[in-house]
Amino acid sequence: MSELVSYQLDDGIATLTLCNGKVNAISHDVIAGLNAGLDRAVADKAVVIMTGQPGILSGGYDLKVMTSSIENAIALVTVGSTLARRMLSHPYPIIVACPGHAVAKGAFILLSADHRIGTEGAFTIGLNEVQIGLTMHHVGIELARDRLSKAAFQRSVINAEMFNPTTARDAGFLDSVVAPEALMPSAVAMAQQLKKINQQAHAGTKLKARKALLATLDAAIELDKTAGFS
Protein backbone atom coordinates (compact mmCIF):
# COMPACT_ATOMS: atom_id res chain seq x y z
CA MET A 1 0.00 0.00 0.00
CA SER A 2 0.97 3.68 -0.11
CA GLU A 3 1.66 6.36 2.48
CA LEU A 4 -1.68 7.93 1.53
CA VAL A 5 -3.78 4.85 2.27
CA SER A 6 -2.55 2.30 4.80
CA TYR A 7 -3.81 -1.30 4.96
CA GLN A 8 -4.03 -3.37 8.11
CA LEU A 9 -5.48 -6.90 8.22
CA ASP A 10 -6.54 -8.31 11.55
CA ASP A 11 -8.78 -11.35 12.06
CA GLY A 12 -10.53 -11.03 8.71
CA ILE A 13 -11.01 -7.25 8.98
CA ALA A 14 -9.14 -4.94 6.60
CA THR A 15 -8.74 -1.37 7.81
CA LEU A 16 -7.98 1.25 5.15
CA THR A 17 -6.84 4.56 6.65
CA LEU A 18 -6.65 7.76 4.61
CA CYS A 19 -3.74 10.05 5.45
CA ASN A 20 -3.28 12.89 2.98
CA GLY A 21 -2.62 16.15 4.76
CA LYS A 22 -4.89 18.11 7.08
CA VAL A 23 -8.08 17.53 5.07
CA ASN A 24 -7.37 14.10 3.59
CA ALA A 25 -7.85 15.48 0.09
CA ILE A 26 -9.08 12.90 -2.41
CA SER A 27 -6.57 12.84 -5.26
CA HIS A 28 -5.85 10.39 -8.06
CA ASP A 29 -3.20 8.76 -5.86
CA VAL A 30 -5.61 8.43 -2.92
CA ILE A 31 -8.24 6.83 -5.15
CA ALA A 32 -5.61 4.48 -6.53
CA GLY A 33 -4.66 3.59 -2.96
CA LEU A 34 -8.26 2.90 -2.01
CA ASN A 35 -8.74 0.73 -5.08
CA ALA A 36 -5.57 -1.19 -4.25
CA GLY A 37 -6.84 -1.65 -0.71
CA LEU A 38 -10.16 -2.98 -1.93
CA ASP A 39 -8.33 -5.35 -4.28
CA ARG A 40 -6.28 -6.64 -1.39
CA ALA A 41 -9.36 -6.97 0.85
CA VAL A 42 -11.07 -9.11 -1.79
CA ALA A 43 -7.99 -11.35 -1.96
CA ASP A 44 -8.03 -11.56 1.84
CA LYS A 45 -11.83 -12.15 1.87
CA ALA A 46 -12.03 -9.43 4.50
CA VAL A 47 -14.73 -7.10 5.76
CA VAL A 48 -13.53 -3.53 5.17
CA ILE A 49 -13.32 -0.57 7.53
CA MET A 50 -12.47 2.78 5.93
CA THR A 51 -11.42 5.62 8.19
CA GLY A 52 -9.34 8.78 8.30
CA GLN A 53 -7.26 10.80 10.72
CA PRO A 54 -8.60 12.04 14.06
CA GLY A 55 -11.12 14.79 13.32
CA ILE A 56 -11.52 14.17 9.61
CA LEU A 57 -12.54 11.56 7.08
CA SER A 58 -12.03 13.85 4.08
CA GLY A 59 -12.69 17.43 3.04
CA GLY A 60 -13.30 16.38 -0.57
CA TYR A 61 -11.47 16.29 -3.86
CA ASP A 62 -8.01 17.82 -4.21
CA LEU A 63 -8.76 21.48 -4.96
CA LYS A 64 -5.48 21.96 -6.82
CA VAL A 65 -6.66 19.43 -9.38
CA MET A 66 -10.27 20.59 -9.37
CA THR A 67 -9.32 24.20 -10.11
CA SER A 68 -6.51 23.50 -12.61
CA SER A 69 -8.82 22.90 -15.57
CA ILE A 70 -12.28 21.57 -16.33
CA GLU A 71 -10.68 18.56 -18.03
CA ASN A 72 -8.64 17.71 -14.92
CA ALA A 73 -11.68 18.18 -12.70
CA ILE A 74 -13.79 15.87 -14.84
CA ALA A 75 -11.04 13.25 -14.88
CA LEU A 76 -10.75 13.25 -11.08
CA VAL A 77 -14.51 13.17 -10.55
CA THR A 78 -14.79 10.28 -13.03
CA VAL A 79 -12.38 8.06 -11.11
CA GLY A 80 -13.99 9.14 -7.84
CA SER A 81 -17.45 8.26 -9.10
CA THR A 82 -16.15 4.93 -10.36
CA LEU A 83 -14.79 4.25 -6.87
CA ALA A 84 -18.20 5.03 -5.36
CA ARG A 85 -19.83 2.62 -7.80
CA ARG A 86 -17.25 -0.02 -6.90
CA MET A 87 -17.84 0.42 -3.17
CA LEU A 88 -21.59 -0.03 -3.64
CA SER A 89 -21.01 -3.34 -5.44
CA HIS A 90 -18.04 -4.59 -3.37
CA PRO A 91 -18.50 -8.30 -2.57
CA TYR A 92 -17.73 -7.87 1.15
CA PRO A 93 -19.27 -5.40 3.61
CA ILE A 94 -17.74 -1.93 3.79
CA ILE A 95 -17.97 0.07 7.02
CA VAL A 96 -16.89 3.70 7.19
CA ALA A 97 -15.70 4.91 10.59
CA CYS A 98 -15.97 8.68 10.20
CA PRO A 99 -13.70 10.35 12.78
CA GLY A 100 -14.95 13.89 12.17
CA HIS A 101 -15.58 16.11 9.16
CA ALA A 102 -16.81 14.56 5.90
CA VAL A 103 -17.41 17.14 3.18
CA ALA A 104 -18.17 16.79 -0.54
CA LYS A 105 -16.36 13.63 -1.72
CA GLY A 106 -15.83 12.76 1.95
CA ALA A 107 -19.61 12.68 2.38
CA PHE A 108 -20.00 10.68 -0.84
CA ILE A 109 -17.70 8.04 0.65
CA LEU A 110 -20.24 7.76 3.47
CA LEU A 111 -23.05 7.40 0.95
CA SER A 112 -21.16 4.60 -0.83
CA ALA A 113 -20.69 2.34 2.21
CA ASP A 114 -22.82 -0.43 3.69
CA HIS A 115 -22.63 0.89 7.25
CA ARG A 116 -21.50 4.31 8.52
CA ILE A 117 -20.49 5.25 12.06
CA GLY A 118 -19.77 8.86 13.01
CA THR A 119 -18.32 10.47 16.10
CA GLU A 120 -19.74 13.10 18.40
CA GLY A 121 -18.22 16.56 18.17
CA ALA A 122 -18.31 19.90 16.39
CA PHE A 123 -17.96 18.32 12.97
CA THR A 124 -19.48 19.14 9.59
CA ILE A 125 -20.89 16.53 7.24
CA GLY A 126 -22.50 17.19 3.90
CA LEU A 127 -22.34 18.30 0.29
CA ASN A 128 -21.08 21.85 -0.20
CA GLU A 129 -20.81 21.87 -4.00
CA VAL A 130 -23.50 24.50 -4.57
CA GLN A 131 -22.08 26.57 -1.71
CA ILE A 132 -18.71 26.81 -3.45
CA GLY A 133 -20.14 27.45 -6.92
CA LEU A 134 -20.23 23.97 -8.46
CA THR A 135 -23.33 22.56 -10.11
CA MET A 136 -23.71 19.10 -8.60
CA HIS A 137 -22.56 16.31 -10.92
CA HIS A 138 -25.06 13.67 -12.02
CA VAL A 139 -23.46 10.85 -10.05
CA GLY A 140 -23.58 12.93 -6.88
CA ILE A 141 -27.24 13.72 -7.38
CA GLU A 142 -28.20 10.10 -7.97
CA LEU A 143 -26.13 8.77 -5.08
CA ALA A 144 -27.61 11.33 -2.69
CA ARG A 145 -31.12 10.68 -4.02
CA ASP A 146 -30.76 6.99 -3.21
CA ARG A 147 -29.16 7.23 0.23
CA LEU A 148 -30.62 10.38 1.82
CA SER A 149 -34.13 10.98 3.07
CA LYS A 150 -36.32 12.87 0.60
CA ALA A 151 -36.31 16.07 2.65
CA ALA A 152 -32.58 15.89 3.36
CA PHE A 153 -31.85 15.30 -0.33
CA GLN A 154 -33.45 18.61 -1.26
CA ARG A 155 -31.76 20.48 1.58
CA SER A 156 -28.36 18.90 0.99
CA VAL A 157 -28.01 18.77 -2.79
CA ILE A 158 -29.92 21.88 -3.81
CA ASN A 159 -29.39 24.15 -0.78
CA ALA A 160 -25.93 22.87 0.25
CA GLU A 161 -27.06 22.56 3.86
CA MET A 162 -24.38 21.11 6.10
CA PHE A 163 -25.09 18.84 9.05
CA ASN A 164 -23.59 17.98 12.41
CA PRO A 165 -23.10 14.28 13.21
CA THR A 166 -26.52 13.89 14.84
CA THR A 167 -28.48 15.61 12.07
CA ALA A 168 -26.29 13.81 9.49
CA ARG A 169 -27.50 10.54 10.98
CA ASP A 170 -31.11 11.71 10.64
CA ALA A 171 -30.46 12.78 7.04
CA GLY A 172 -28.97 9.44 6.00
CA PHE A 173 -25.24 10.15 5.88
CA LEU A 174 -24.62 8.06 9.01
CA ASP A 175 -26.20 5.04 10.67
CA SER A 176 -25.00 5.76 14.19
CA VAL A 177 -23.01 8.31 16.20
CA VAL A 178 -20.74 7.35 19.08
CA ALA A 179 -18.22 8.99 21.39
CA PRO A 180 -14.79 9.53 19.79
CA GLU A 181 -13.12 6.86 21.90
CA ALA A 182 -15.82 4.36 20.87
CA LEU A 183 -15.51 4.92 17.11
CA MET A 184 -13.02 2.23 16.15
CA PRO A 185 -14.22 -0.30 18.75
CA SER A 186 -17.75 0.19 17.38
CA ALA A 187 -16.53 -0.24 13.81
CA VAL A 188 -14.64 -3.41 14.71
CA ALA A 189 -17.68 -4.77 16.57
CA MET A 190 -19.86 -4.12 13.52
CA ALA A 191 -17.24 -5.77 11.29
CA GLN A 192 -17.19 -8.80 13.56
CA GLN A 193 -20.98 -8.96 13.32
CA LEU A 194 -20.92 -8.66 9.54
CA LYS A 195 -18.26 -11.39 9.31
CA LYS A 196 -20.90 -13.82 10.57
CA ILE A 197 -23.30 -13.32 7.67
CA ASN A 198 -23.03 -15.44 4.53
CA GLN A 199 -20.74 -13.38 2.31
CA GLN A 200 -21.91 -14.95 -0.94
CA ALA A 201 -25.50 -14.14 -0.05
CA HIS A 202 -24.45 -10.63 0.99
CA ALA A 203 -22.75 -10.00 -2.35
CA GLY A 204 -25.61 -11.40 -4.40
CA THR A 205 -28.29 -9.56 -2.46
CA LYS A 206 -26.32 -6.30 -2.61
CA LEU A 207 -26.17 -6.51 -6.42
CA LYS A 208 -29.90 -7.31 -6.66
CA ALA A 209 -30.93 -4.56 -4.25
CA ARG A 210 -28.73 -1.96 -5.94
CA LYS A 211 -29.19 -3.09 -9.54
CA ALA A 212 -31.19 -0.02 -10.57
CA LEU A 213 -28.87 2.36 -8.71
CA LEU A 214 -25.74 0.83 -10.25
CA ALA A 215 -27.24 1.12 -13.74
CA THR A 216 -28.18 4.72 -13.03
CA LEU A 217 -24.65 5.47 -11.82
CA ASP A 218 -23.12 3.85 -14.92
CA ALA A 219 -25.16 6.18 -17.12
CA ALA A 220 -24.42 9.17 -14.88
CA ILE A 221 -20.66 8.54 -14.98
CA GLU A 222 -20.75 8.68 -18.78
CA LEU A 223 -22.95 11.77 -18.74
CA ASP A 224 -20.61 13.58 -16.35
CA LYS A 225 -17.68 12.95 -18.71
CA THR A 226 -19.34 15.15 -21.33
CA ALA A 227 -21.57 17.45 -19.29
CA GLY A 228 -19.04 18.23 -16.60
CA PHE A 229 -20.46 20.57 -13.97
CA SER A 230 -23.02 22.35 -16.12
C-alpha atoms as a PDB file:
ATOM      1  CA  MET A   1       0.000   0.000   0.000  1.00  0.00           C
ATOM      2  CA  SER A   2       0.966   3.680  -0.115  1.00  0.00           C
ATOM      3  CA  GLU A   3       1.663   6.361   2.482  1.00  0.00           C
ATOM      4  CA  LEU A   4      -1.677   7.934   1.532  1.00  0.00           C
ATOM      5  CA  VAL A   5      -3.781   4.846   2.272  1.00  0.00           C
ATOM      6  CA  SER A   6      -2.553   2.299   4.796  1.00  0.00           C
ATOM      7  CA  TYR A   7      -3.809  -1.296   4.956  1.00  0.00           C
ATOM      8  CA  GLN A   8      -4.035  -3.374   8.106  1.00  0.00           C
ATOM      9  CA  LEU A   9      -5.481  -6.895   8.216  1.00  0.00           C
ATOM     10  CA  ASP A  10      -6.542  -8.315  11.551  1.00  0.00           C
ATOM     11  CA  ASP A  11      -8.781 -11.351  12.055  1.00  0.00           C
ATOM     12  CA  GLY A  12     -10.533 -11.027   8.709  1.00  0.00           C
ATOM     13  CA  ILE A  13     -11.014  -7.246   8.979  1.00  0.00           C
ATOM     14  CA  ALA A  14      -9.136  -4.945   6.598  1.00  0.00           C
ATOM     15  CA  THR A  15      -8.742  -1.365   7.806  1.00  0.00           C
ATOM     16  CA  LEU A  16      -7.978   1.248   5.148  1.00  0.00           C
ATOM     17  CA  THR A  17      -6.845   4.558   6.647  1.00  0.00           C
ATOM     18  CA  LEU A  18      -6.647   7.764   4.608  1.00  0.00           C
ATOM     19  CA  CYS A  19      -3.736  10.054   5.453  1.00  0.00           C
ATOM     20  CA  ASN A  20      -3.285  12.893   2.980  1.00  0.00           C
ATOM     21  CA  GLY A  21      -2.621  16.155   4.764  1.00  0.00           C
ATOM     22  CA  LYS A  22      -4.894  18.111   7.077  1.00  0.00           C
ATOM     23  CA  VAL A  23      -8.083  17.529   5.069  1.00  0.00           C
ATOM     24  CA  ASN A  24      -7.372  14.096   3.590  1.00  0.00           C
ATOM     25  CA  ALA A  25      -7.854  15.482   0.085  1.00  0.00           C
ATOM     26  CA  ILE A  26      -9.077  12.904  -2.410  1.00  0.00           C
ATOM     27  CA  SER A  27      -6.566  12.837  -5.255  1.00  0.00           C
ATOM     28  CA  HIS A  28      -5.851  10.386  -8.063  1.00  0.00           C
ATOM     29  CA  ASP A  29      -3.205   8.758  -5.861  1.00  0.00           C
ATOM     30  CA  VAL A  30      -5.609   8.428  -2.916  1.00  0.00           C
ATOM     31  CA  ILE A  31      -8.242   6.834  -5.148  1.00  0.00           C
ATOM     32  CA  ALA A  32      -5.608   4.476  -6.532  1.00  0.00           C
ATOM     33  CA  GLY A  33      -4.661   3.587  -2.963  1.00  0.00           C
ATOM     34  CA  LEU A  34      -8.263   2.904  -2.006  1.00  0.00           C
ATOM     35  CA  ASN A  35      -8.741   0.727  -5.082  1.00  0.00           C
ATOM     36  CA  ALA A  36      -5.575  -1.189  -4.249  1.00  0.00           C
ATOM     37  CA  GLY A  37      -6.836  -1.646  -0.706  1.00  0.00           C
ATOM     38  CA  LEU A  38     -10.164  -2.985  -1.925  1.00  0.00           C
ATOM     39  CA  ASP A  39      -8.330  -5.351  -4.285  1.00  0.00           C
ATOM     40  CA  ARG A  40      -6.283  -6.642  -1.389  1.00  0.00           C
ATOM     41  CA  ALA A  41      -9.357  -6.970   0.853  1.00  0.00           C
ATOM     42  CA  VAL A  42     -11.066  -9.112  -1.794  1.00  0.00           C
ATOM     43  CA  ALA A  43      -7.994 -11.345  -1.963  1.00  0.00           C
ATOM     44  CA  ASP A  44      -8.035 -11.558   1.844  1.00  0.00           C
ATOM     45  CA  LYS A  45     -11.828 -12.151   1.870  1.00  0.00           C
ATOM     46  CA  ALA A  46     -12.030  -9.431   4.497  1.00  0.00           C
ATOM     47  CA  VAL A  47     -14.728  -7.102   5.759  1.00  0.00           C
ATOM     48  CA  VAL A  48     -13.527  -3.533   5.169  1.00  0.00           C
ATOM     49  CA  ILE A  49     -13.320  -0.575   7.525  1.00  0.00           C
ATOM     50  CA  MET A  50     -12.470   2.776   5.927  1.00  0.00           C
ATOM     51  CA  THR A  51     -11.419   5.622   8.187  1.00  0.00           C
ATOM     52  CA  GLY A  52      -9.335   8.782   8.305  1.00  0.00           C
ATOM     53  CA  GLN A  53      -7.255  10.802  10.716  1.00  0.00           C
ATOM     54  CA  PRO A  54      -8.604  12.039  14.065  1.00  0.00           C
ATOM     55  CA  GLY A  55     -11.116  14.788  13.319  1.00  0.00           C
ATOM     56  CA  ILE A  56     -11.521  14.174   9.606  1.00  0.00           C
ATOM     57  CA  LEU A  57     -12.545  11.556   7.081  1.00  0.00           C
ATOM     58  CA  SER A  58     -12.029  13.853   4.077  1.00  0.00           C
ATOM     59  CA  GLY A  59     -12.690  17.431   3.037  1.00  0.00           C
ATOM     60  CA  GLY A  60     -13.298  16.383  -0.569  1.00  0.00           C
ATOM     61  CA  TYR A  61     -11.472  16.286  -3.860  1.00  0.00           C
ATOM     62  CA  ASP A  62      -8.008  17.816  -4.210  1.00  0.00           C
ATOM     63  CA  LEU A  63      -8.757  21.477  -4.957  1.00  0.00           C
ATOM     64  CA  LYS A  64      -5.479  21.958  -6.817  1.00  0.00           C
ATOM     65  CA  VAL A  65      -6.661  19.425  -9.375  1.00  0.00           C
ATOM     66  CA  MET A  66     -10.272  20.592  -9.375  1.00  0.00           C
ATOM     67  CA  THR A  67      -9.318  24.203 -10.112  1.00  0.00           C
ATOM     68  CA  SER A  68      -6.511  23.502 -12.606  1.00  0.00           C
ATOM     69  CA  SER A  69      -8.822  22.899 -15.570  1.00  0.00           C
ATOM     70  CA  ILE A  70     -12.280  21.567 -16.332  1.00  0.00           C
ATOM     71  CA  GLU A  71     -10.675  18.562 -18.030  1.00  0.00           C
ATOM     72  CA  ASN A  72      -8.644  17.709 -14.923  1.00  0.00           C
ATOM     73  CA  ALA A  73     -11.681  18.185 -12.704  1.00  0.00           C
ATOM     74  CA  ILE A  74     -13.792  15.866 -14.843  1.00  0.00           C
ATOM     75  CA  ALA A  75     -11.042  13.247 -14.885  1.00  0.00           C
ATOM     76  CA  LEU A  76     -10.753  13.252 -11.079  1.00  0.00           C
ATOM     77  CA  VAL A  77     -14.514  13.168 -10.548  1.00  0.00           C
ATOM     78  CA  THR A  78     -14.789  10.285 -13.026  1.00  0.00           C
ATOM     79  CA  VAL A  79     -12.383   8.064 -11.113  1.00  0.00           C
ATOM     80  CA  GLY A  80     -13.986   9.145  -7.844  1.00  0.00           C
ATOM     81  CA  SER A  81     -17.449   8.262  -9.101  1.00  0.00           C
ATOM     82  CA  THR A  82     -16.152   4.929 -10.363  1.00  0.00           C
ATOM     83  CA  LEU A  83     -14.786   4.255  -6.872  1.00  0.00           C
ATOM     84  CA  ALA A  84     -18.200   5.028  -5.364  1.00  0.00           C
ATOM     85  CA  ARG A  85     -19.827   2.618  -7.796  1.00  0.00           C
ATOM     86  CA  ARG A  86     -17.248  -0.019  -6.902  1.00  0.00           C
ATOM     87  CA  MET A  87     -17.845   0.422  -3.171  1.00  0.00           C
ATOM     88  CA  LEU A  88     -21.591  -0.027  -3.640  1.00  0.00           C
ATOM     89  CA  SER A  89     -21.005  -3.338  -5.436  1.00  0.00           C
ATOM     90  CA  HIS A  90     -18.040  -4.586  -3.366  1.00  0.00           C
ATOM     91  CA  PRO A  91     -18.495  -8.302  -2.568  1.00  0.00           C
ATOM     92  CA  TYR A  92     -17.731  -7.874   1.149  1.00  0.00           C
ATOM     93  CA  PRO A  93     -19.267  -5.400   3.607  1.00  0.00           C
ATOM     94  CA  ILE A  94     -17.740  -1.926   3.792  1.00  0.00           C
ATOM     95  CA  ILE A  95     -17.973   0.069   7.017  1.00  0.00           C
ATOM     96  CA  VAL A  96     -16.885   3.701   7.191  1.00  0.00           C
ATOM     97  CA  ALA A  97     -15.703   4.908  10.592  1.00  0.00           C
ATOM     98  CA  CYS A  98     -15.973   8.683  10.196  1.00  0.00           C
ATOM     99  CA  PRO A  99     -13.703  10.352  12.781  1.00  0.00           C
ATOM    100  CA  GLY A 100     -14.947  13.891  12.169  1.00  0.00           C
ATOM    101  CA  HIS A 101     -15.581  16.112   9.161  1.00  0.00           C
ATOM    102  CA  ALA A 102     -16.812  14.559   5.903  1.00  0.00           C
ATOM    103  CA  VAL A 103     -17.410  17.135   3.185  1.00  0.00           C
ATOM    104  CA  ALA A 104     -18.166  16.794  -0.537  1.00  0.00           C
ATOM    105  CA  LYS A 105     -16.362  13.628  -1.716  1.00  0.00           C
ATOM    106  CA  GLY A 106     -15.831  12.756   1.945  1.00  0.00           C
ATOM    107  CA  ALA A 107     -19.607  12.683   2.377  1.00  0.00           C
ATOM    108  CA  PHE A 108     -20.004  10.684  -0.838  1.00  0.00           C
ATOM    109  CA  ILE A 109     -17.696   8.043   0.655  1.00  0.00           C
ATOM    110  CA  LEU A 110     -20.235   7.757   3.470  1.00  0.00           C
ATOM    111  CA  LEU A 111     -23.051   7.401   0.947  1.00  0.00           C
ATOM    112  CA  SER A 112     -21.156   4.600  -0.830  1.00  0.00           C
ATOM    113  CA  ALA A 113     -20.695   2.343   2.208  1.00  0.00           C
ATOM    114  CA  ASP A 114     -22.821  -0.430   3.687  1.00  0.00           C
ATOM    115  CA  HIS A 115     -22.631   0.885   7.253  1.00  0.00           C
ATOM    116  CA  ARG A 116     -21.504   4.307   8.519  1.00  0.00           C
ATOM    117  CA  ILE A 117     -20.486   5.252  12.059  1.00  0.00           C
ATOM    118  CA  GLY A 118     -19.774   8.856  13.011  1.00  0.00           C
ATOM    119  CA  THR A 119     -18.318  10.469  16.100  1.00  0.00           C
ATOM    120  CA  GLU A 120     -19.738  13.103  18.397  1.00  0.00           C
ATOM    121  CA  GLY A 121     -18.217  16.561  18.168  1.00  0.00           C
ATOM    122  CA  ALA A 122     -18.314  19.905  16.387  1.00  0.00           C
ATOM    123  CA  PHE A 123     -17.957  18.323  12.969  1.00  0.00           C
ATOM    124  CA  THR A 124     -19.476  19.141   9.587  1.00  0.00           C
ATOM    125  CA  ILE A 125     -20.887  16.525   7.238  1.00  0.00           C
ATOM    126  CA  GLY A 126     -22.501  17.193   3.896  1.00  0.00           C
ATOM    127  CA  LEU A 127     -22.336  18.298   0.287  1.00  0.00           C
ATOM    128  CA  ASN A 128     -21.076  21.853  -0.196  1.00  0.00           C
ATOM    129  CA  GLU A 129     -20.806  21.875  -3.997  1.00  0.00           C
ATOM    130  CA  VAL A 130     -23.504  24.500  -4.571  1.00  0.00           C
ATOM    131  CA  GLN A 131     -22.083  26.566  -1.713  1.00  0.00           C
ATOM    132  CA  ILE A 132     -18.707  26.812  -3.446  1.00  0.00           C
ATOM    133  CA  GLY A 133     -20.139  27.449  -6.915  1.00  0.00           C
ATOM    134  CA  LEU A 134     -20.232  23.966  -8.456  1.00  0.00           C
ATOM    135  CA  THR A 135     -23.325  22.564 -10.106  1.00  0.00           C
ATOM    136  CA  MET A 136     -23.715  19.100  -8.605  1.00  0.00           C
ATOM    137  CA  HIS A 137     -22.559  16.312 -10.920  1.00  0.00           C
ATOM    138  CA  HIS A 138     -25.065  13.667 -12.024  1.00  0.00           C
ATOM    139  CA  VAL A 139     -23.458  10.845 -10.047  1.00  0.00           C
ATOM    140  CA  GLY A 140     -23.578  12.928  -6.880  1.00  0.00           C
ATOM    141  CA  ILE A 141     -27.241  13.716  -7.375  1.00  0.00           C
ATOM    142  CA  GLU A 142     -28.197  10.103  -7.972  1.00  0.00           C
ATOM    143  CA  LEU A 143     -26.132   8.771  -5.079  1.00  0.00           C
ATOM    144  CA  ALA A 144     -27.615  11.328  -2.689  1.00  0.00           C
ATOM    145  CA  ARG A 145     -31.122  10.685  -4.017  1.00  0.00           C
ATOM    146  CA  ASP A 146     -30.762   6.989  -3.209  1.00  0.00           C
ATOM    147  CA  ARG A 147     -29.159   7.226   0.230  1.00  0.00           C
ATOM    148  CA  LEU A 148     -30.617  10.384   1.824  1.00  0.00           C
ATOM    149  CA  SER A 149     -34.129  10.983   3.068  1.00  0.00           C
ATOM    150  CA  LYS A 150     -36.321  12.871   0.602  1.00  0.00           C
ATOM    151  CA  ALA A 151     -36.307  16.070   2.646  1.00  0.00           C
ATOM    152  CA  ALA A 152     -32.580  15.887   3.357  1.00  0.00           C
ATOM    153  CA  PHE A 153     -31.848  15.296  -0.326  1.00  0.00           C
ATOM    154  CA  GLN A 154     -33.452  18.609  -1.259  1.00  0.00           C
ATOM    155  CA  ARG A 155     -31.760  20.476   1.583  1.00  0.00           C
ATOM    156  CA  SER A 156     -28.363  18.896   0.989  1.00  0.00           C
ATOM    157  CA  VAL A 157     -28.006  18.772  -2.791  1.00  0.00           C
ATOM    158  CA  ILE A 158     -29.923  21.883  -3.811  1.00  0.00           C
ATOM    159  CA  ASN A 159     -29.391  24.152  -0.784  1.00  0.00           C
ATOM    160  CA  ALA A 160     -25.925  22.868   0.249  1.00  0.00           C
ATOM    161  CA  GLU A 161     -27.055  22.559   3.863  1.00  0.00           C
ATOM    162  CA  MET A 162     -24.376  21.108   6.096  1.00  0.00           C
ATOM    163  CA  PHE A 163     -25.091  18.841   9.049  1.00  0.00           C
ATOM    164  CA  ASN A 164     -23.595  17.979  12.409  1.00  0.00           C
ATOM    165  CA  PRO A 165     -23.102  14.283  13.211  1.00  0.00           C
ATOM    166  CA  THR A 166     -26.524  13.894  14.844  1.00  0.00           C
ATOM    167  CA  THR A 167     -28.478  15.607  12.069  1.00  0.00           C
ATOM    168  CA  ALA A 168     -26.290  13.812   9.487  1.00  0.00           C
ATOM    169  CA  ARG A 169     -27.504  10.537  10.978  1.00  0.00           C
ATOM    170  CA  ASP A 170     -31.107  11.706  10.641  1.00  0.00           C
ATOM    171  CA  ALA A 171     -30.460  12.779   7.038  1.00  0.00           C
ATOM    172  CA  GLY A 172     -28.972   9.444   5.997  1.00  0.00           C
ATOM    173  CA  PHE A 173     -25.235  10.149   5.876  1.00  0.00           C
ATOM    174  CA  LEU A 174     -24.620   8.056   9.014  1.00  0.00           C
ATOM    175  CA  ASP A 175     -26.201   5.036  10.672  1.00  0.00           C
ATOM    176  CA  SER A 176     -24.998   5.765  14.191  1.00  0.00           C
ATOM    177  CA  VAL A 177     -23.009   8.311  16.196  1.00  0.00           C
ATOM    178  CA  VAL A 178     -20.741   7.346  19.082  1.00  0.00           C
ATOM    179  CA  ALA A 179     -18.224   8.993  21.392  1.00  0.00           C
ATOM    180  CA  PRO A 180     -14.788   9.532  19.788  1.00  0.00           C
ATOM    181  CA  GLU A 181     -13.125   6.857  21.899  1.00  0.00           C
ATOM    182  CA  ALA A 182     -15.819   4.362  20.874  1.00  0.00           C
ATOM    183  CA  LEU A 183     -15.507   4.923  17.115  1.00  0.00           C
ATOM    184  CA  MET A 184     -13.025   2.232  16.148  1.00  0.00           C
ATOM    185  CA  PRO A 185     -14.221  -0.303  18.751  1.00  0.00           C
ATOM    186  CA  SER A 186     -17.753   0.186  17.381  1.00  0.00           C
ATOM    187  CA  ALA A 187     -16.527  -0.243  13.806  1.00  0.00           C
ATOM    188  CA  VAL A 188     -14.642  -3.413  14.713  1.00  0.00           C
ATOM    189  CA  ALA A 189     -17.682  -4.767  16.570  1.00  0.00           C
ATOM    190  CA  MET A 190     -19.855  -4.121  13.519  1.00  0.00           C
ATOM    191  CA  ALA A 191     -17.241  -5.768  11.288  1.00  0.00           C
ATOM    192  CA  GLN A 192     -17.186  -8.805  13.558  1.00  0.00           C
ATOM    193  CA  GLN A 193     -20.983  -8.961  13.324  1.00  0.00           C
ATOM    194  CA  LEU A 194     -20.918  -8.664   9.540  1.00  0.00           C
ATOM    195  CA  LYS A 195     -18.261 -11.386   9.305  1.00  0.00           C
ATOM    196  CA  LYS A 196     -20.901 -13.824  10.569  1.00  0.00           C
ATOM    197  CA  ILE A 197     -23.299 -13.324   7.669  1.00  0.00           C
ATOM    198  CA  ASN A 198     -23.027 -15.436   4.530  1.00  0.00           C
ATOM    199  CA  GLN A 199     -20.741 -13.382   2.306  1.00  0.00           C
ATOM    200  CA  GLN A 200     -21.907 -14.950  -0.941  1.00  0.00           C
ATOM    201  CA  ALA A 201     -25.505 -14.142  -0.049  1.00  0.00           C
ATOM    202  CA  HIS A 202     -24.452 -10.632   0.992  1.00  0.00           C
ATOM    203  CA  ALA A 203     -22.750 -10.001  -2.348  1.00  0.00           C
ATOM    204  CA  GLY A 204     -25.606 -11.397  -4.401  1.00  0.00           C
ATOM    205  CA  THR A 205     -28.289  -9.559  -2.458  1.00  0.00           C
ATOM    206  CA  LYS A 206     -26.317  -6.302  -2.613  1.00  0.00           C
ATOM    207  CA  LEU A 207     -26.173  -6.515  -6.417  1.00  0.00           C
ATOM    208  CA  LYS A 208     -29.895  -7.306  -6.656  1.00  0.00           C
ATOM    209  CA  ALA A 209     -30.925  -4.560  -4.255  1.00  0.00           C
ATOM    210  CA  ARG A 210     -28.725  -1.960  -5.940  1.00  0.00           C
ATOM    211  CA  LYS A 211     -29.190  -3.094  -9.544  1.00  0.00           C
ATOM    212  CA  ALA A 212     -31.190  -0.022 -10.572  1.00  0.00           C
ATOM    213  CA  LEU A 213     -28.867   2.356  -8.706  1.00  0.00           C
ATOM    214  CA  LEU A 214     -25.745   0.829 -10.254  1.00  0.00           C
ATOM    215  CA  ALA A 215     -27.244   1.117 -13.743  1.00  0.00           C
ATOM    216  CA  THR A 216     -28.179   4.721 -13.030  1.00  0.00           C
ATOM    217  CA  LEU A 217     -24.649   5.469 -11.823  1.00  0.00           C
ATOM    218  CA  ASP A 218     -23.116   3.850 -14.919  1.00  0.00           C
ATOM    219  CA  ALA A 219     -25.164   6.183 -17.120  1.00  0.00           C
ATOM    220  CA  ALA A 220     -24.425   9.172 -14.880  1.00  0.00           C
ATOM    221  CA  ILE A 221     -20.662   8.539 -14.984  1.00  0.00           C
ATOM    222  CA  GLU A 222     -20.755   8.680 -18.782  1.00  0.00           C
ATOM    223  CA  LEU A 223     -22.953  11.771 -18.738  1.00  0.00           C
ATOM    224  CA  ASP A 224     -20.607  13.580 -16.351  1.00  0.00           C
ATOM    225  CA  LYS A 225     -17.680  12.954 -18.714  1.00  0.00           C
ATOM    226  CA  THR A 226     -19.342  15.146 -21.330  1.00  0.00           C
ATOM    227  CA  ALA A 227     -21.574  17.453 -19.295  1.00  0.00           C
ATOM    228  CA  GLY A 228     -19.035  18.233 -16.599  1.00  0.00           C
ATOM    229  CA  PHE A 229     -20.457  20.569 -13.971  1.00  0.00           C
ATOM    230  CA  SER A 230     -23.016  22.353 -16.121  1.00  0.00           C
END
